[in-house]
N, C-alpha and C. Protein backbone atom coordinates (compact mmCIF):
# COMPACT_ATOMS: atom_id res chain seq x y z
N MET A 1 0.80 -1.05 -0.06
CA MET A 1 -0.06 -0.03 -0.17
C MET A 1 0.93 1.17 -0.07
N PRO A 2 0.60 2.16 -0.89
CA PRO A 2 1.46 3.43 -0.76
C PRO A 2 1.34 4.28 0.32
N PRO A 3 2.33 5.04 0.65
CA PRO A 3 2.33 5.87 1.94
C PRO A 3 1.07 6.78 1.75
N PRO A 4 0.76 7.38 2.93
CA PRO A 4 -0.27 8.52 2.85
C PRO A 4 0.22 9.78 2.26
N VAL A 5 -0.87 10.40 1.80
CA VAL A 5 -0.45 11.69 1.15
C VAL A 5 0.08 12.62 1.99
N GLU A 6 0.02 12.59 3.39
CA GLU A 6 0.75 13.45 4.15
C GLU A 6 2.24 13.30 4.22
N ASN A 7 2.60 12.06 3.79
CA ASN A 7 4.09 11.65 3.69
C ASN A 7 4.86 12.21 2.43
N ILE A 8 4.01 13.05 1.46
CA ILE A 8 4.72 13.53 0.25
C ILE A 8 5.41 14.70 0.76
N PRO A 9 6.84 14.65 0.62
CA PRO A 9 7.55 15.82 1.10
C PRO A 9 7.38 17.03 0.26
N VAL A 10 7.44 18.18 0.84
CA VAL A 10 7.28 19.39 -0.10
C VAL A 10 8.35 19.48 -1.04
N HIS A 11 7.95 19.83 -2.17
CA HIS A 11 9.00 19.90 -3.27
C HIS A 11 9.41 18.62 -3.59
N PHE A 12 8.57 17.62 -3.67
CA PHE A 12 8.99 16.12 -4.11
C PHE A 12 9.64 16.15 -5.44
N LEU A 13 8.83 16.73 -6.32
CA LEU A 13 9.13 16.81 -7.84
C LEU A 13 9.81 18.08 -8.10
N LYS A 14 10.49 18.28 -9.32
CA LYS A 14 11.09 19.52 -9.74
C LYS A 14 10.23 20.70 -9.52
N ASP A 15 9.01 20.65 -10.03
CA ASP A 15 8.03 21.78 -10.45
C ASP A 15 7.20 21.64 -9.31
N PRO A 16 6.93 22.78 -8.45
CA PRO A 16 6.03 22.61 -7.34
C PRO A 16 4.47 22.48 -7.94
N LYS A 17 4.21 22.92 -9.12
CA LYS A 17 3.02 22.80 -9.62
C LYS A 17 2.61 21.12 -9.79
N ASP A 18 3.74 20.34 -10.14
CA ASP A 18 3.62 19.11 -10.35
C ASP A 18 3.34 18.30 -8.96
N ASP A 19 3.89 18.98 -8.00
CA ASP A 19 3.52 18.40 -6.71
C ASP A 19 1.93 18.46 -6.35
N LEU A 20 1.37 19.46 -6.68
CA LEU A 20 -0.06 19.49 -6.57
C LEU A 20 -0.79 18.26 -7.29
N VAL A 21 -0.41 18.01 -8.49
CA VAL A 21 -0.90 17.03 -9.37
C VAL A 21 -0.72 15.65 -8.62
N LEU A 22 0.61 15.48 -8.14
CA LEU A 22 0.90 14.38 -7.29
C LEU A 22 0.13 14.19 -6.20
N GLU A 23 -0.15 15.08 -5.27
CA GLU A 23 -1.01 15.00 -4.15
C GLU A 23 -2.26 14.82 -4.54
N VAL A 24 -3.13 15.28 -5.42
CA VAL A 24 -4.53 15.06 -5.85
C VAL A 24 -4.50 13.49 -6.49
N ALA A 25 -3.61 13.15 -6.95
CA ALA A 25 -3.73 11.75 -7.69
C ALA A 25 -3.36 10.67 -6.60
N ALA A 26 -2.58 10.97 -5.61
CA ALA A 26 -2.52 10.05 -4.54
C ALA A 26 -3.65 10.21 -3.61
N GLU A 27 -4.13 11.36 -3.41
CA GLU A 27 -5.21 11.35 -2.40
C GLU A 27 -6.50 10.79 -2.89
N SER A 28 -6.67 10.81 -4.31
CA SER A 28 -7.92 10.17 -4.94
C SER A 28 -7.64 8.75 -5.28
N ARG A 29 -6.59 8.35 -5.00
CA ARG A 29 -6.04 6.83 -5.27
C ARG A 29 -6.28 6.49 -6.71
N SER A 30 -5.75 7.18 -7.47
CA SER A 30 -5.67 7.10 -8.88
C SER A 30 -4.76 6.06 -9.07
N GLN A 31 -4.59 5.55 -10.22
CA GLN A 31 -3.65 4.46 -10.88
C GLN A 31 -2.56 5.41 -11.70
N PHE A 32 -2.96 6.33 -12.25
CA PHE A 32 -2.17 7.19 -13.25
C PHE A 32 -2.31 8.31 -13.16
N ILE A 33 -1.10 9.16 -13.51
CA ILE A 33 -0.90 10.51 -13.89
C ILE A 33 -0.78 10.48 -15.40
N VAL A 34 -1.68 11.07 -16.08
CA VAL A 34 -1.67 11.17 -17.65
C VAL A 34 -1.04 12.46 -17.93
N THR A 35 0.15 12.35 -18.59
CA THR A 35 0.86 13.66 -19.01
C THR A 35 1.70 13.44 -20.04
N HIS A 36 2.03 14.55 -20.78
CA HIS A 36 2.98 14.46 -21.80
C HIS A 36 4.48 14.77 -21.22
N ASN A 37 4.55 14.89 -19.82
CA ASN A 37 5.85 15.33 -19.40
C ASN A 37 6.26 14.12 -18.36
N THR A 38 6.36 12.92 -18.70
CA THR A 38 6.38 11.77 -17.86
C THR A 38 7.74 11.83 -17.15
N LYS A 39 8.62 12.39 -17.66
CA LYS A 39 9.97 12.72 -17.02
C LYS A 39 9.92 13.42 -15.74
N ASP A 40 8.80 14.20 -15.76
CA ASP A 40 8.85 15.26 -14.59
C ASP A 40 8.15 14.41 -13.29
N PHE A 41 7.73 13.31 -13.67
CA PHE A 41 7.14 12.65 -12.52
C PHE A 41 7.77 11.50 -12.14
N ASN A 42 9.26 11.56 -12.03
CA ASN A 42 10.08 10.46 -11.53
C ASN A 42 9.65 9.96 -10.08
N ASN A 43 9.63 8.87 -9.79
CA ASN A 43 9.53 8.35 -8.55
C ASN A 43 8.07 8.28 -7.85
N VAL A 44 7.05 8.57 -8.85
CA VAL A 44 5.75 8.73 -8.36
C VAL A 44 5.29 7.13 -8.02
N SER A 45 5.90 6.10 -8.67
CA SER A 45 5.66 4.65 -8.26
C SER A 45 5.82 4.66 -6.63
N LEU A 46 6.53 5.44 -5.93
CA LEU A 46 6.52 5.27 -4.48
C LEU A 46 5.27 5.52 -3.89
N PHE A 47 4.23 6.10 -4.69
CA PHE A 47 2.82 6.52 -4.07
C PHE A 47 1.87 5.55 -4.82
N GLY A 48 2.42 4.66 -5.43
CA GLY A 48 1.51 3.64 -6.19
C GLY A 48 0.94 4.17 -7.42
N LEU A 49 1.56 5.10 -7.92
CA LEU A 49 1.08 5.79 -9.37
C LEU A 49 2.00 5.33 -10.37
N LYS A 50 1.62 5.71 -11.54
CA LYS A 50 2.41 5.47 -12.74
C LYS A 50 2.12 6.57 -13.62
N ALA A 51 3.11 7.19 -14.14
CA ALA A 51 3.01 8.44 -15.02
C ALA A 51 2.93 7.94 -16.65
N ILE A 52 1.99 8.30 -17.18
CA ILE A 52 1.81 7.79 -18.61
C ILE A 52 1.52 8.80 -19.45
N THR A 53 1.82 8.62 -20.78
CA THR A 53 1.36 9.67 -21.74
C THR A 53 -0.23 9.25 -22.10
N PRO A 54 -0.70 10.29 -22.70
CA PRO A 54 -2.09 10.19 -23.17
C PRO A 54 -2.38 9.06 -24.18
N ARG A 55 -1.30 8.90 -25.01
CA ARG A 55 -1.45 7.66 -26.08
C ARG A 55 -1.36 6.42 -25.26
N ASP A 56 -0.51 6.25 -24.22
CA ASP A 56 -0.27 4.97 -23.36
C ASP A 56 -1.60 4.82 -22.69
N PHE A 57 -2.21 5.96 -22.22
CA PHE A 57 -3.58 5.73 -21.39
C PHE A 57 -4.54 5.22 -22.21
N LEU A 58 -4.70 5.57 -23.43
CA LEU A 58 -5.76 5.14 -24.32
C LEU A 58 -5.43 3.63 -24.83
N GLU A 59 -4.31 3.14 -24.62
CA GLU A 59 -4.17 1.86 -25.17
C GLU A 59 -4.47 1.02 -23.65
N VAL A 60 -4.31 1.62 -22.58
CA VAL A 60 -4.68 0.96 -21.27
C VAL A 60 -6.23 0.94 -21.39
N LEU A 61 -6.88 1.87 -21.74
CA LEU A 61 -8.39 1.70 -21.77
C LEU A 61 -8.88 0.50 -22.73
N LYS A 62 -8.29 0.55 -24.00
CA LYS A 62 -8.51 -0.38 -25.03
C LYS A 62 -8.35 -1.76 -24.37
N GLU A 63 -7.20 -2.02 -23.71
CA GLU A 63 -7.01 -3.31 -23.04
C GLU A 63 -8.06 -3.84 -22.05
N ASP A 64 -8.61 -2.58 -21.33
CA ASP A 64 -9.48 -3.01 -20.41
C ASP A 64 -10.90 -3.33 -21.03
N LYS A 65 -11.09 -2.82 -22.10
CA LYS A 65 -12.33 -3.04 -22.72
C LYS A 65 -12.49 -4.59 -23.35
N SER A 66 -11.28 -4.96 -23.57
CA SER A 66 -11.20 -6.42 -24.18
C SER A 66 -11.51 -7.45 -23.33
């Protein structure tokens, strides 16, 4: 189980605006952060998340429908 959101350090990611996205995704127990900037979301797997591109997310949706 991922650590609680309260355990996300301030400025965990390079861009403080991305930290907000990480917090929302972790708090909502999302599986993915969908972004074109996957490199900006290094180590989000520590919170049970995976950063993927929109194209990859569409592939995930296709697989789930099969």
